[in-house]
Amino acid sequence: MSVKDDLFKLFENDLFHLPSTALLFNQYLDEDPQFDLPGAAGIRRENLARYIASFKKKPEWLLIGEAPGPWGCRFSGIPFTSEKQLISGALPFKGERSGIRKAPHSEASGTVLWGALAEFYPRFLIWNAVPLHPHKPGVPLSIRTPSPAEIKQFSALLKKVIALTGPKEIIAVGRSAERALAATGAKCSYIRHPSQAGAAEFRREIKKLLQNEV
């Protein structure tokens, strides 16, 4: 079995079946009729499968983000990736929309990340320390920083992703991701998260880091 098959099997066994809570939404299992098309969870699983299947060999770099945002992975199923990017042809893989909204969802952080990294694809794989969408109580399309307990909950899964991919470089996108990786014992490089006016610094740091690795 290939690494990409092993990786998707890991998500089938350890992630897709986890129930949502009042603070964490599992976009691979559950659907909210206010926001999601019928069968949306299956669409998101298939989008993730297509993304993983696009790798012909092990990625050299593993980028770890904090958690799914409400306009990106929450609807696309792929970290730092929006519906708009999936259907526009801007990415080297395609997917389908899962949201009920007329206009496809778009995420600023995903736009910045893929704009900076497209030239290096498929040498990098993106994943999140907390793979479910953390939101504020009663506000499903909000975002909050994952708690230490939530990071700990998914530490074992993160370790398995690292073990399966065996990257030569692990990059933490933001401080929460850096703390999550430290909890696993993995060594990583830190770069600024592209949100909250961090886009220019993110672009500079990621280009410098990856160009030194080429």
N, C-alpha and C. Protein backbone atom coordinates (compact mmCIF):
# COMPACT_ATOMS: atom_id res chain seq x y z
N MET A 1 0.85 -1.20 0.00
CA MET A 1 0.00 0.00 0.00
C MET A 1 0.89 1.25 0.00
N SER A 2 0.54 2.28 -0.77
CA SER A 2 1.33 3.48 -0.88
C SER A 2 1.11 4.39 0.33
N VAL A 3 1.98 5.39 0.45
CA VAL A 3 1.86 6.34 1.54
C VAL A 3 0.52 7.06 1.48
N LYS A 4 0.10 7.45 0.29
CA LYS A 4 -1.17 8.17 0.18
C LYS A 4 -2.35 7.28 0.57
N ASP A 5 -2.29 6.00 0.24
CA ASP A 5 -3.34 5.08 0.68
C ASP A 5 -3.33 4.92 2.19
N ASP A 6 -2.14 4.81 2.75
CA ASP A 6 -2.00 4.67 4.21
C ASP A 6 -2.52 5.91 4.92
N LEU A 7 -2.25 7.07 4.34
CA LEU A 7 -2.67 8.32 4.96
C LEU A 7 -4.18 8.44 4.97
N PHE A 8 -4.81 8.12 3.85
CA PHE A 8 -6.27 8.21 3.81
C PHE A 8 -6.91 7.15 4.72
N LYS A 9 -6.31 5.98 4.77
CA LYS A 9 -6.81 4.93 5.67
C LYS A 9 -6.71 5.39 7.13
N LEU A 10 -5.65 6.10 7.46
CA LEU A 10 -5.50 6.65 8.80
C LEU A 10 -6.67 7.59 9.12
N PHE A 11 -7.01 8.45 8.19
CA PHE A 11 -8.11 9.38 8.42
C PHE A 11 -9.45 8.65 8.51
N GLU A 12 -9.62 7.61 7.73
CA GLU A 12 -10.84 6.81 7.82
C GLU A 12 -10.96 6.16 9.21
N ASN A 13 -9.85 5.69 9.73
CA ASN A 13 -9.87 4.97 11.01
C ASN A 13 -9.91 5.89 12.22
N ASP A 14 -9.20 7.03 12.14
CA ASP A 14 -8.98 7.85 13.34
C ASP A 14 -9.69 9.20 13.35
N LEU A 15 -10.31 9.58 12.22
CA LEU A 15 -10.84 10.94 12.13
C LEU A 15 -12.28 11.03 11.66
N PHE A 16 -12.59 10.37 10.57
CA PHE A 16 -13.88 10.60 9.90
C PHE A 16 -15.09 10.27 10.78
N HIS A 17 -14.94 9.36 11.70
CA HIS A 17 -16.08 8.90 12.50
C HIS A 17 -16.29 9.70 13.79
N LEU A 18 -15.39 10.62 14.11
CA LEU A 18 -15.47 11.32 15.39
C LEU A 18 -16.69 12.26 15.42
N PRO A 19 -17.51 12.19 16.44
CA PRO A 19 -18.70 13.04 16.50
C PRO A 19 -18.34 14.50 16.76
N SER A 20 -19.11 15.40 16.19
CA SER A 20 -18.95 16.82 16.49
C SER A 20 -19.37 17.08 17.94
N THR A 21 -18.87 18.19 18.49
CA THR A 21 -19.26 18.61 19.83
C THR A 21 -19.81 20.03 19.74
N ALA A 22 -20.10 20.61 20.88
CA ALA A 22 -20.61 21.98 20.91
C ALA A 22 -19.55 22.99 20.47
N LEU A 23 -18.28 22.55 20.45
CA LEU A 23 -17.19 23.47 20.13
C LEU A 23 -16.33 23.02 18.95
N LEU A 24 -16.48 21.78 18.52
CA LEU A 24 -15.70 21.25 17.39
C LEU A 24 -16.65 20.62 16.38
N PHE A 25 -16.56 21.04 15.11
CA PHE A 25 -17.41 20.49 14.06
C PHE A 25 -16.59 19.57 13.17
N ASN A 26 -17.04 18.31 13.02
CA ASN A 26 -16.36 17.37 12.14
C ASN A 26 -16.96 17.48 10.75
N GLN A 27 -16.28 18.21 9.90
CA GLN A 27 -16.77 18.46 8.54
C GLN A 27 -16.75 17.22 7.66
N TYR A 28 -16.06 16.15 8.12
CA TYR A 28 -16.00 14.91 7.35
C TYR A 28 -17.12 13.94 7.71
N LEU A 29 -17.85 14.24 8.78
CA LEU A 29 -18.93 13.36 9.23
C LEU A 29 -20.28 14.05 9.21
N ASP A 30 -20.31 15.29 9.66
CA ASP A 30 -21.59 15.96 9.92
C ASP A 30 -21.90 17.06 8.90
N GLU A 31 -23.17 17.41 8.86
CA GLU A 31 -23.66 18.46 7.95
C GLU A 31 -24.63 19.35 8.72
N ASP A 32 -24.63 20.62 8.39
CA ASP A 32 -25.55 21.58 8.96
C ASP A 32 -26.43 22.09 7.83
N PRO A 33 -27.71 21.79 7.83
CA PRO A 33 -28.58 22.18 6.72
C PRO A 33 -28.68 23.68 6.50
N GLN A 34 -28.26 24.47 7.49
CA GLN A 34 -28.21 25.92 7.29
C GLN A 34 -27.15 26.32 6.27
N PHE A 35 -26.10 25.50 6.17
CA PHE A 35 -24.93 25.88 5.38
C PHE A 35 -24.50 24.84 4.34
N ASP A 36 -24.90 23.57 4.54
CA ASP A 36 -24.35 22.48 3.73
C ASP A 36 -25.36 21.88 2.76
N LEU A 37 -24.85 21.48 1.60
CA LEU A 37 -25.65 20.71 0.66
C LEU A 37 -25.90 19.30 1.23
N PRO A 38 -26.96 18.62 0.79
CA PRO A 38 -27.12 17.21 1.16
C PRO A 38 -25.92 16.40 0.68
N GLY A 39 -25.38 15.57 1.54
CA GLY A 39 -24.20 14.79 1.17
C GLY A 39 -22.90 15.56 1.28
N ALA A 40 -22.92 16.72 1.94
CA ALA A 40 -21.75 17.58 2.00
C ALA A 40 -20.54 16.91 2.65
N ALA A 41 -20.77 16.14 3.71
CA ALA A 41 -19.65 15.48 4.39
C ALA A 41 -18.93 14.53 3.44
N GLY A 42 -19.69 13.80 2.64
CA GLY A 42 -19.09 12.90 1.66
C GLY A 42 -18.31 13.65 0.61
N ILE A 43 -18.81 14.81 0.21
CA ILE A 43 -18.08 15.65 -0.75
C ILE A 43 -16.73 16.06 -0.18
N ARG A 44 -16.73 16.44 1.08
CA ARG A 44 -15.49 16.88 1.70
C ARG A 44 -14.50 15.73 1.86
N ARG A 45 -14.99 14.55 2.19
CA ARG A 45 -14.09 13.39 2.25
C ARG A 45 -13.50 13.10 0.87
N GLU A 46 -14.31 13.20 -0.16
CA GLU A 46 -13.83 12.94 -1.52
C GLU A 46 -12.83 14.00 -1.95
N ASN A 47 -13.07 15.26 -1.58
CA ASN A 47 -12.10 16.31 -1.90
C ASN A 47 -10.75 16.02 -1.26
N LEU A 48 -10.78 15.60 0.01
CA LEU A 48 -9.53 15.26 0.69
C LEU A 48 -8.86 14.07 0.02
N ALA A 49 -9.65 13.10 -0.39
CA ALA A 49 -9.10 11.92 -1.09
C ALA A 49 -8.41 12.33 -2.38
N ARG A 50 -9.02 13.24 -3.12
CA ARG A 50 -8.42 13.70 -4.38
C ARG A 50 -7.11 14.45 -4.12
N TYR A 51 -7.11 15.25 -3.08
CA TYR A 51 -5.89 15.98 -2.73
C TYR A 51 -4.76 15.00 -2.40
N ILE A 52 -5.03 14.03 -1.55
CA ILE A 52 -4.00 13.06 -1.17
C ILE A 52 -3.56 12.23 -2.37
N ALA A 53 -4.52 11.87 -3.24
CA ALA A 53 -4.20 11.06 -4.41
C ALA A 53 -3.34 11.81 -5.43
N SER A 54 -3.29 13.13 -5.32
CA SER A 54 -2.50 13.92 -6.28
C SER A 54 -1.00 13.81 -6.05
N PHE A 55 -0.60 13.22 -4.92
CA PHE A 55 0.82 13.05 -4.63
C PHE A 55 1.32 11.73 -5.22
N LYS A 56 2.31 11.83 -6.08
CA LYS A 56 2.86 10.64 -6.71
C LYS A 56 3.96 10.00 -5.88
N LYS A 57 4.50 10.77 -4.94
CA LYS A 57 5.52 10.25 -4.02
C LYS A 57 5.42 11.02 -2.72
N LYS A 58 6.21 10.63 -1.74
CA LYS A 58 6.19 11.29 -0.43
C LYS A 58 6.52 12.77 -0.57
N PRO A 59 5.77 13.63 0.12
CA PRO A 59 6.14 15.06 0.13
C PRO A 59 7.40 15.27 0.95
N GLU A 60 8.22 16.23 0.53
CA GLU A 60 9.45 16.52 1.26
C GLU A 60 9.20 17.38 2.49
N TRP A 61 8.16 18.21 2.41
CA TRP A 61 7.86 19.15 3.48
C TRP A 61 6.44 18.94 3.97
N LEU A 62 6.27 19.03 5.26
CA LEU A 62 4.96 18.93 5.88
C LEU A 62 4.65 20.26 6.56
N LEU A 63 3.62 20.95 6.06
CA LEU A 63 3.19 22.20 6.66
C LEU A 63 2.02 21.93 7.59
N ILE A 64 2.13 22.35 8.83
CA ILE A 64 1.09 22.12 9.82
C ILE A 64 0.47 23.45 10.23
N GLY A 65 -0.83 23.56 10.01
CA GLY A 65 -1.57 24.74 10.45
C GLY A 65 -2.24 24.47 11.78
N GLU A 66 -3.03 25.44 12.21
CA GLU A 66 -3.69 25.35 13.51
C GLU A 66 -4.93 24.46 13.46
N ALA A 67 -5.91 24.85 12.63
CA ALA A 67 -7.20 24.15 12.56
C ALA A 67 -7.98 24.68 11.36
N PRO A 68 -9.01 23.96 10.92
CA PRO A 68 -9.83 24.44 9.80
C PRO A 68 -10.51 25.77 10.10
N GLY A 69 -10.47 26.66 9.11
CA GLY A 69 -11.19 27.92 9.23
C GLY A 69 -12.61 27.78 8.71
N PRO A 70 -13.49 28.73 9.06
CA PRO A 70 -14.91 28.61 8.69
C PRO A 70 -15.20 28.81 7.21
N TRP A 71 -14.25 29.36 6.46
CA TRP A 71 -14.50 29.59 5.03
C TRP A 71 -13.61 28.73 4.13
N GLY A 72 -12.69 27.99 4.74
CA GLY A 72 -11.77 27.17 3.97
C GLY A 72 -12.04 25.69 4.15
N CYS A 73 -11.23 25.04 4.98
CA CYS A 73 -11.32 23.59 5.18
C CYS A 73 -12.69 23.14 5.69
N ARG A 74 -13.38 23.99 6.43
CA ARG A 74 -14.73 23.64 6.91
C ARG A 74 -15.63 23.23 5.75
N PHE A 75 -15.46 23.84 4.59
CA PHE A 75 -16.30 23.52 3.43
C PHE A 75 -15.58 22.73 2.34
N SER A 76 -14.26 22.86 2.26
CA SER A 76 -13.52 22.14 1.21
C SER A 76 -13.04 20.77 1.67
N GLY A 77 -12.76 20.63 2.98
CA GLY A 77 -12.19 19.39 3.49
C GLY A 77 -10.68 19.33 3.39
N ILE A 78 -10.06 20.38 2.83
CA ILE A 78 -8.61 20.41 2.63
C ILE A 78 -8.04 21.63 3.36
N PRO A 79 -7.04 21.45 4.20
CA PRO A 79 -6.49 22.58 4.95
C PRO A 79 -6.02 23.73 4.04
N PHE A 80 -6.28 24.96 4.50
CA PHE A 80 -5.85 26.17 3.79
C PHE A 80 -6.34 26.20 2.33
N THR A 81 -7.50 25.65 2.11
CA THR A 81 -8.04 25.58 0.74
C THR A 81 -9.53 25.89 0.78
N SER A 82 -9.99 26.70 -0.16
CA SER A 82 -11.40 27.09 -0.19
C SER A 82 -12.13 26.45 -1.36
N GLU A 83 -13.45 26.48 -1.29
CA GLU A 83 -14.28 26.00 -2.40
C GLU A 83 -13.93 26.74 -3.69
N LYS A 84 -13.77 28.04 -3.58
CA LYS A 84 -13.49 28.85 -4.78
C LYS A 84 -12.22 28.38 -5.47
N GLN A 85 -11.19 28.07 -4.70
CA GLN A 85 -9.95 27.58 -5.28
C GLN A 85 -10.14 26.22 -5.93
N LEU A 86 -10.92 25.35 -5.28
CA LEU A 86 -11.12 24.00 -5.81
C LEU A 86 -11.80 23.99 -7.16
N ILE A 87 -12.78 24.88 -7.35
CA ILE A 87 -13.57 24.84 -8.59
C ILE A 87 -13.06 25.79 -9.66
N SER A 88 -12.09 26.64 -9.30
CA SER A 88 -11.62 27.66 -10.25
C SER A 88 -10.56 27.14 -11.21
N GLY A 89 -9.95 26.00 -10.89
CA GLY A 89 -8.86 25.51 -11.71
C GLY A 89 -7.52 26.13 -11.33
N ALA A 90 -7.50 26.88 -10.22
CA ALA A 90 -6.26 27.54 -9.79
C ALA A 90 -5.30 26.58 -9.12
N LEU A 91 -5.78 25.42 -8.70
CA LEU A 91 -4.94 24.45 -7.99
C LEU A 91 -4.64 23.25 -8.88
N PRO A 92 -3.60 22.50 -8.58
CA PRO A 92 -3.24 21.32 -9.40
C PRO A 92 -4.12 20.10 -9.13
N PHE A 93 -5.19 20.26 -8.39
CA PHE A 93 -6.17 19.20 -8.16
C PHE A 93 -7.53 19.89 -8.08
N LYS A 94 -8.59 19.14 -8.29
CA LYS A 94 -9.92 19.74 -8.30
C LYS A 94 -10.81 19.10 -7.24
N GLY A 95 -11.91 19.75 -6.96
CA GLY A 95 -12.87 19.24 -6.00
C GLY A 95 -14.23 19.84 -6.25
N GLU A 96 -15.15 19.54 -5.36
CA GLU A 96 -16.52 20.01 -5.51
C GLU A 96 -16.91 20.88 -4.32
N ARG A 97 -17.93 21.68 -4.51
CA ARG A 97 -18.47 22.51 -3.45
C ARG A 97 -19.34 21.69 -2.51
N SER A 98 -19.32 22.03 -1.23
CA SER A 98 -20.21 21.36 -0.29
C SER A 98 -21.18 22.35 0.37
N GLY A 99 -20.94 23.64 0.18
CA GLY A 99 -21.77 24.66 0.80
C GLY A 99 -23.02 24.99 -0.01
N ILE A 100 -24.05 25.39 0.71
CA ILE A 100 -25.33 25.69 0.06
C ILE A 100 -25.38 27.12 -0.47
N ARG A 101 -24.47 27.96 -0.04
CA ARG A 101 -24.44 29.36 -0.44
C ARG A 101 -24.24 29.49 -1.95
N LYS A 102 -24.87 30.46 -2.56
CA LYS A 102 -24.80 30.62 -4.02
C LYS A 102 -23.37 30.84 -4.49
N ALA A 103 -22.67 31.74 -3.83
CA ALA A 103 -21.26 31.98 -4.19
C ALA A 103 -20.36 31.04 -3.42
N PRO A 104 -19.35 30.46 -4.05
CA PRO A 104 -18.44 29.56 -3.33
C PRO A 104 -17.69 30.30 -2.23
N HIS A 105 -17.43 29.60 -1.14
CA HIS A 105 -16.69 30.21 -0.04
C HIS A 105 -15.24 30.46 -0.46
N SER A 106 -14.68 31.55 0.05
CA SER A 106 -13.29 31.91 -0.23
C SER A 106 -12.60 32.25 1.08
N GLU A 107 -11.33 31.88 1.19
CA GLU A 107 -10.57 32.11 2.42
C GLU A 107 -9.29 32.87 2.11
N ALA A 108 -9.07 33.97 2.83
CA ALA A 108 -7.90 34.81 2.57
C ALA A 108 -6.59 34.06 2.84
N SER A 109 -6.52 33.33 3.96
CA SER A 109 -5.28 32.62 4.30
C SER A 109 -4.93 31.57 3.25
N GLY A 110 -5.94 30.86 2.76
CA GLY A 110 -5.69 29.87 1.72
C GLY A 110 -5.21 30.49 0.43
N THR A 111 -5.76 31.64 0.10
CA THR A 111 -5.34 32.35 -1.11
C THR A 111 -3.88 32.77 -1.00
N VAL A 112 -3.50 33.28 0.16
CA VAL A 112 -2.11 33.70 0.37
C VAL A 112 -1.18 32.49 0.33
N LEU A 113 -1.55 31.43 1.03
CA LEU A 113 -0.67 30.26 1.11
C LEU A 113 -0.43 29.64 -0.26
N TRP A 114 -1.51 29.38 -1.00
CA TRP A 114 -1.33 28.75 -2.31
C TRP A 114 -0.64 29.69 -3.31
N GLY A 115 -0.86 31.00 -3.17
CA GLY A 115 -0.17 31.94 -4.03
C GLY A 115 1.33 31.90 -3.84
N ALA A 116 1.75 31.66 -2.60
CA ALA A 116 3.18 31.61 -2.29
C ALA A 116 3.80 30.24 -2.58
N LEU A 117 2.99 29.18 -2.49
CA LEU A 117 3.54 27.83 -2.53
C LEU A 117 3.30 27.06 -3.83
N ALA A 118 2.46 27.55 -4.69
CA ALA A 118 2.08 26.79 -5.88
C ALA A 118 3.29 26.29 -6.67
N GLU A 119 4.33 27.09 -6.75
CA GLU A 119 5.50 26.71 -7.55
C GLU A 119 6.24 25.51 -6.95
N PHE A 120 6.02 25.24 -5.66
CA PHE A 120 6.71 24.14 -4.99
C PHE A 120 5.89 22.85 -4.95
N TYR A 121 4.65 22.90 -5.39
CA TYR A 121 3.79 21.72 -5.36
C TYR A 121 4.31 20.69 -6.38
N PRO A 122 4.28 19.37 -6.08
CA PRO A 122 3.73 18.68 -4.91
C PRO A 122 4.78 18.28 -3.87
N ARG A 123 5.72 19.15 -3.62
CA ARG A 123 6.78 18.82 -2.68
C ARG A 123 6.36 19.03 -1.22
N PHE A 124 5.16 19.59 -1.02
CA PHE A 124 4.69 19.86 0.34
C PHE A 124 3.28 19.32 0.53
N LEU A 125 2.98 18.90 1.74
CA LEU A 125 1.64 18.47 2.14
C LEU A 125 1.19 19.35 3.29
N ILE A 126 -0.08 19.76 3.27
CA ILE A 126 -0.62 20.61 4.32
C ILE A 126 -1.58 19.79 5.19
N TRP A 127 -1.43 19.96 6.50
CA TRP A 127 -2.37 19.35 7.43
C TRP A 127 -2.56 20.29 8.61
N ASN A 128 -3.55 19.99 9.48
CA ASN A 128 -3.82 20.82 10.65
C ASN A 128 -3.59 20.04 11.94
N ALA A 129 -3.07 20.74 12.96
CA ALA A 129 -2.84 20.11 14.26
C ALA A 129 -4.15 19.62 14.86
N VAL A 130 -5.19 20.44 14.76
CA VAL A 130 -6.55 20.04 15.14
C VAL A 130 -7.35 19.97 13.85
N PRO A 131 -7.75 18.79 13.39
CA PRO A 131 -8.37 18.64 12.07
C PRO A 131 -9.85 18.97 12.00
N LEU A 132 -10.50 19.23 13.14
CA LEU A 132 -11.91 19.61 13.16
C LEU A 132 -12.02 21.12 13.35
N HIS A 133 -13.16 21.68 12.93
CA HIS A 133 -13.32 23.13 12.96
C HIS A 133 -13.70 23.62 14.36
N PRO A 134 -12.82 24.39 15.02
CA PRO A 134 -13.14 24.94 16.34
C PRO A 134 -13.92 26.25 16.19
N HIS A 135 -15.07 26.32 16.81
CA HIS A 135 -15.90 27.52 16.70
C HIS A 135 -16.38 27.94 18.07
N LYS A 136 -16.92 29.14 18.15
CA LYS A 136 -17.44 29.66 19.41
C LYS A 136 -18.80 29.02 19.71
N PRO A 137 -19.16 28.90 20.98
CA PRO A 137 -20.44 28.26 21.33
C PRO A 137 -21.63 28.96 20.66
N GLY A 138 -22.42 28.19 19.93
CA GLY A 138 -23.61 28.72 19.30
C GLY A 138 -23.36 29.55 18.06
N VAL A 139 -22.11 29.65 17.61
CA VAL A 139 -21.77 30.43 16.40
C VAL A 139 -21.00 29.51 15.47
N PRO A 140 -21.69 28.70 14.69
CA PRO A 140 -21.02 27.64 13.93
C PRO A 140 -20.00 28.11 12.90
N LEU A 141 -20.21 29.26 12.30
CA LEU A 141 -19.24 29.75 11.31
C LEU A 141 -18.38 30.86 11.91
N SER A 142 -17.77 30.54 13.03
CA SER A 142 -16.81 31.43 13.68
C SER A 142 -15.50 30.67 13.80
N ILE A 143 -14.49 31.33 14.33
CA ILE A 143 -13.20 30.68 14.50
C ILE A 143 -12.64 31.07 15.86
N ARG A 144 -11.94 30.15 16.48
CA ARG A 144 -11.26 30.42 17.74
C ARG A 144 -10.00 29.57 17.79
N THR A 145 -9.09 29.95 18.66
CA THR A 145 -7.87 29.18 18.85
C THR A 145 -8.19 27.88 19.58
N PRO A 146 -7.72 26.74 19.09
CA PRO A 146 -7.96 25.48 19.80
C PRO A 146 -7.38 25.51 21.20
N SER A 147 -8.05 24.86 22.11
CA SER A 147 -7.59 24.80 23.50
C SER A 147 -6.44 23.80 23.62
N PRO A 148 -5.65 23.88 24.70
CA PRO A 148 -4.61 22.87 24.94
C PRO A 148 -5.18 21.45 24.97
N ALA A 149 -6.38 21.29 25.52
CA ALA A 149 -6.99 19.95 25.58
C ALA A 149 -7.32 19.44 24.18
N GLU A 150 -7.76 20.33 23.30
CA GLU A 150 -8.09 19.93 21.93
C GLU A 150 -6.82 19.57 21.16
N ILE A 151 -5.77 20.33 21.37
CA ILE A 151 -4.49 20.01 20.73
C ILE A 151 -3.99 18.65 21.22
N LYS A 152 -4.11 18.41 22.52
CA LYS A 152 -3.69 17.12 23.08
C LYS A 152 -4.52 15.97 22.52
N GLN A 153 -5.82 16.22 22.33
CA GLN A 153 -6.73 15.18 21.81
C GLN A 153 -6.25 14.63 20.47
N PHE A 154 -5.67 15.51 19.63
CA PHE A 154 -5.28 15.10 18.29
C PHE A 154 -3.77 14.93 18.13
N SER A 155 -3.05 14.93 19.24
CA SER A 155 -1.60 14.80 19.19
C SER A 155 -1.18 13.45 18.61
N ALA A 156 -1.88 12.39 18.98
CA ALA A 156 -1.54 11.06 18.47
C ALA A 156 -1.74 10.97 16.96
N LEU A 157 -2.83 11.57 16.47
CA LEU A 157 -3.08 11.59 15.02
C LEU A 157 -1.99 12.37 14.30
N LEU A 158 -1.59 13.50 14.86
CA LEU A 158 -0.54 14.30 14.25
C LEU A 158 0.77 13.51 14.18
N LYS A 159 1.08 12.79 15.25
CA LYS A 159 2.28 11.95 15.25
C LYS A 159 2.24 10.91 14.13
N LYS A 160 1.07 10.31 13.92
CA LYS A 160 0.93 9.30 12.88
C LYS A 160 1.08 9.91 11.49
N VAL A 161 0.56 11.11 11.28
CA VAL A 161 0.72 11.79 9.99
C VAL A 161 2.19 12.04 9.71
N ILE A 162 2.91 12.49 10.73
CA ILE A 162 4.35 12.73 10.58
C ILE A 162 5.09 11.43 10.27
N ALA A 163 4.74 10.37 10.99
CA ALA A 163 5.41 9.08 10.78
C ALA A 163 5.15 8.53 9.39
N LEU A 164 3.93 8.67 8.90
CA LEU A 164 3.59 8.14 7.58
C LEU A 164 4.25 8.91 6.44
N THR A 165 4.29 10.23 6.58
CA THR A 165 4.84 11.05 5.49
C THR A 165 6.35 11.13 5.54
N GLY A 166 6.93 11.06 6.74
CA GLY A 166 8.39 11.07 6.88
C GLY A 166 9.05 12.25 6.20
N PRO A 167 8.57 13.47 6.44
CA PRO A 167 9.14 14.63 5.73
C PRO A 167 10.55 14.97 6.20
N LYS A 168 11.31 15.59 5.32
CA LYS A 168 12.65 16.03 5.74
C LYS A 168 12.56 17.37 6.47
N GLU A 169 11.45 18.07 6.31
CA GLU A 169 11.26 19.36 6.99
C GLU A 169 9.81 19.48 7.42
N ILE A 170 9.58 19.87 8.68
CA ILE A 170 8.25 20.15 9.19
C ILE A 170 8.16 21.63 9.49
N ILE A 171 7.11 22.26 8.99
CA ILE A 171 6.97 23.71 9.12
C ILE A 171 5.68 24.02 9.87
N ALA A 172 5.80 24.73 10.98
CA ALA A 172 4.64 25.15 11.76
C ALA A 172 4.16 26.50 11.25
N VAL A 173 2.91 26.54 10.81
CA VAL A 173 2.33 27.80 10.34
C VAL A 173 1.56 28.42 11.50
N GLY A 174 2.23 29.29 12.27
CA GLY A 174 1.61 29.91 13.43
C GLY A 174 2.05 29.27 14.74
N ARG A 175 1.84 29.99 15.84
CA ARG A 175 2.32 29.54 17.13
C ARG A 175 1.54 28.36 17.69
N SER A 176 0.23 28.30 17.43
CA SER A 176 -0.55 27.15 17.92
C SER A 176 -0.05 25.86 17.30
N ALA A 177 0.25 25.90 16.00
CA ALA A 177 0.79 24.72 15.33
C ALA A 177 2.16 24.37 15.88
N GLU A 178 2.97 25.39 16.17
CA GLU A 178 4.29 25.15 16.74
C GLU A 178 4.18 24.45 18.09
N ARG A 179 3.24 24.90 18.93
CA ARG A 179 3.05 24.27 20.24
C ARG A 179 2.56 22.83 20.10
N ALA A 180 1.67 22.62 19.14
CA ALA A 180 1.15 21.26 18.91
C ALA A 180 2.26 20.32 18.48
N LEU A 181 3.14 20.79 17.62
CA LEU A 181 4.25 19.96 17.14
C LEU A 181 5.24 19.71 18.27
N ALA A 182 5.47 20.72 19.10
CA ALA A 182 6.38 20.54 20.24
C ALA A 182 5.86 19.45 21.18
N ALA A 183 4.54 19.38 21.32
CA ALA A 183 3.94 18.37 22.20
C ALA A 183 4.15 16.96 21.67
N THR A 184 4.36 16.81 20.38
CA THR A 184 4.63 15.49 19.80
C THR A 184 6.11 15.13 19.85
N GLY A 185 6.95 16.10 20.16
CA GLY A 185 8.39 15.87 20.16
C GLY A 185 9.03 16.10 18.82
N ALA A 186 8.26 16.54 17.84
CA ALA A 186 8.79 16.76 16.49
C ALA A 186 9.53 18.10 16.41
N LYS A 187 10.63 18.10 15.72
CA LYS A 187 11.36 19.34 15.46
C LYS A 187 10.74 20.03 14.25
N CYS A 188 10.63 21.35 14.32
CA CYS A 188 10.01 22.06 13.21
C CYS A 188 10.59 23.45 13.07
N SER A 189 10.35 24.04 11.91
CA SER A 189 10.66 25.45 11.67
C SER A 189 9.35 26.22 11.82
N TYR A 190 9.44 27.44 12.31
CA TYR A 190 8.25 28.27 12.52
C TYR A 190 8.17 29.37 11.46
N ILE A 191 6.95 29.61 10.94
CA ILE A 191 6.70 30.77 10.10
C ILE A 191 5.41 31.44 10.55
N ARG A 192 5.30 32.70 10.29
CA ARG A 192 4.12 33.47 10.67
C ARG A 192 2.89 32.97 9.93
N HIS A 193 1.76 32.91 10.62
CA HIS A 193 0.49 32.57 9.98
C HIS A 193 0.08 33.72 9.07
N PRO A 194 -0.50 33.45 7.89
CA PRO A 194 -0.83 34.55 6.96
C PRO A 194 -2.01 35.41 7.38
N SER A 195 -2.76 35.02 8.41
CA SER A 195 -3.91 35.81 8.83
C SER A 195 -3.48 37.01 9.68
N GLN A 196 -4.42 37.90 9.94
CA GLN A 196 -4.20 39.04 10.84
C GLN A 196 -2.97 39.86 10.43
N ALA A 197 -2.96 40.30 9.19
CA ALA A 197 -1.91 41.16 8.64
C ALA A 197 -0.55 40.46 8.55
N GLY A 198 -0.57 39.12 8.56
CA GLY A 198 0.69 38.39 8.49
C GLY A 198 1.05 37.91 7.10
N ALA A 199 0.28 38.31 6.07
CA ALA A 199 0.48 37.76 4.72
C ALA A 199 1.87 38.06 4.17
N ALA A 200 2.32 39.31 4.26
CA ALA A 200 3.62 39.68 3.68
C ALA A 200 4.76 38.94 4.38
N GLU A 201 4.69 38.86 5.70
CA GLU A 201 5.74 38.16 6.45
C GLU A 201 5.71 36.67 6.14
N PHE A 202 4.51 36.09 6.03
CA PHE A 202 4.40 34.68 5.66
C PHE A 202 5.07 34.42 4.32
N ARG A 203 4.77 35.25 3.33
CA ARG A 203 5.35 35.06 1.99
C ARG A 203 6.88 35.12 2.05
N ARG A 204 7.41 36.08 2.75
CA ARG A 204 8.87 36.21 2.85
C ARG A 204 9.49 34.99 3.52
N GLU A 205 8.89 34.57 4.63
CA GLU A 205 9.47 33.48 5.41
C GLU A 205 9.39 32.14 4.69
N ILE A 206 8.25 31.86 4.07
CA ILE A 206 8.10 30.56 3.40
C ILE A 206 8.97 30.47 2.16
N LYS A 207 9.10 31.57 1.42
CA LYS A 207 9.94 31.56 0.23
C LYS A 207 11.40 31.34 0.64
N LYS A 208 11.83 32.05 1.67
CA LYS A 208 13.22 31.91 2.13
C LYS A 208 13.49 30.50 2.61
N LEU A 209 12.57 29.96 3.39
CA LEU A 209 12.76 28.64 3.95
C LEU A 209 12.81 27.55 2.87
N LEU A 210 11.84 27.56 1.96
CA LEU A 210 11.77 26.50 0.96
C LEU A 210 12.81 26.65 -0.13
N GLN A 211 13.16 27.87 -0.50
CA GLN A 211 14.20 28.05 -1.50
C GLN A 211 15.54 27.55 -1.01
N ASN A 212 15.77 27.64 0.29
CA ASN A 212 17.00 27.10 0.88
C ASN A 212 17.03 25.58 0.85
N GLU A 213 15.82 24.96 0.73
CA GLU A 213 15.71 23.51 0.72
C GLU A 213 15.76 22.93 -0.70
N VAL A 214 15.56 23.78 -1.69
CA VAL A 214 15.47 23.27 -3.08
C VAL A 214 16.81 22.76 -3.54
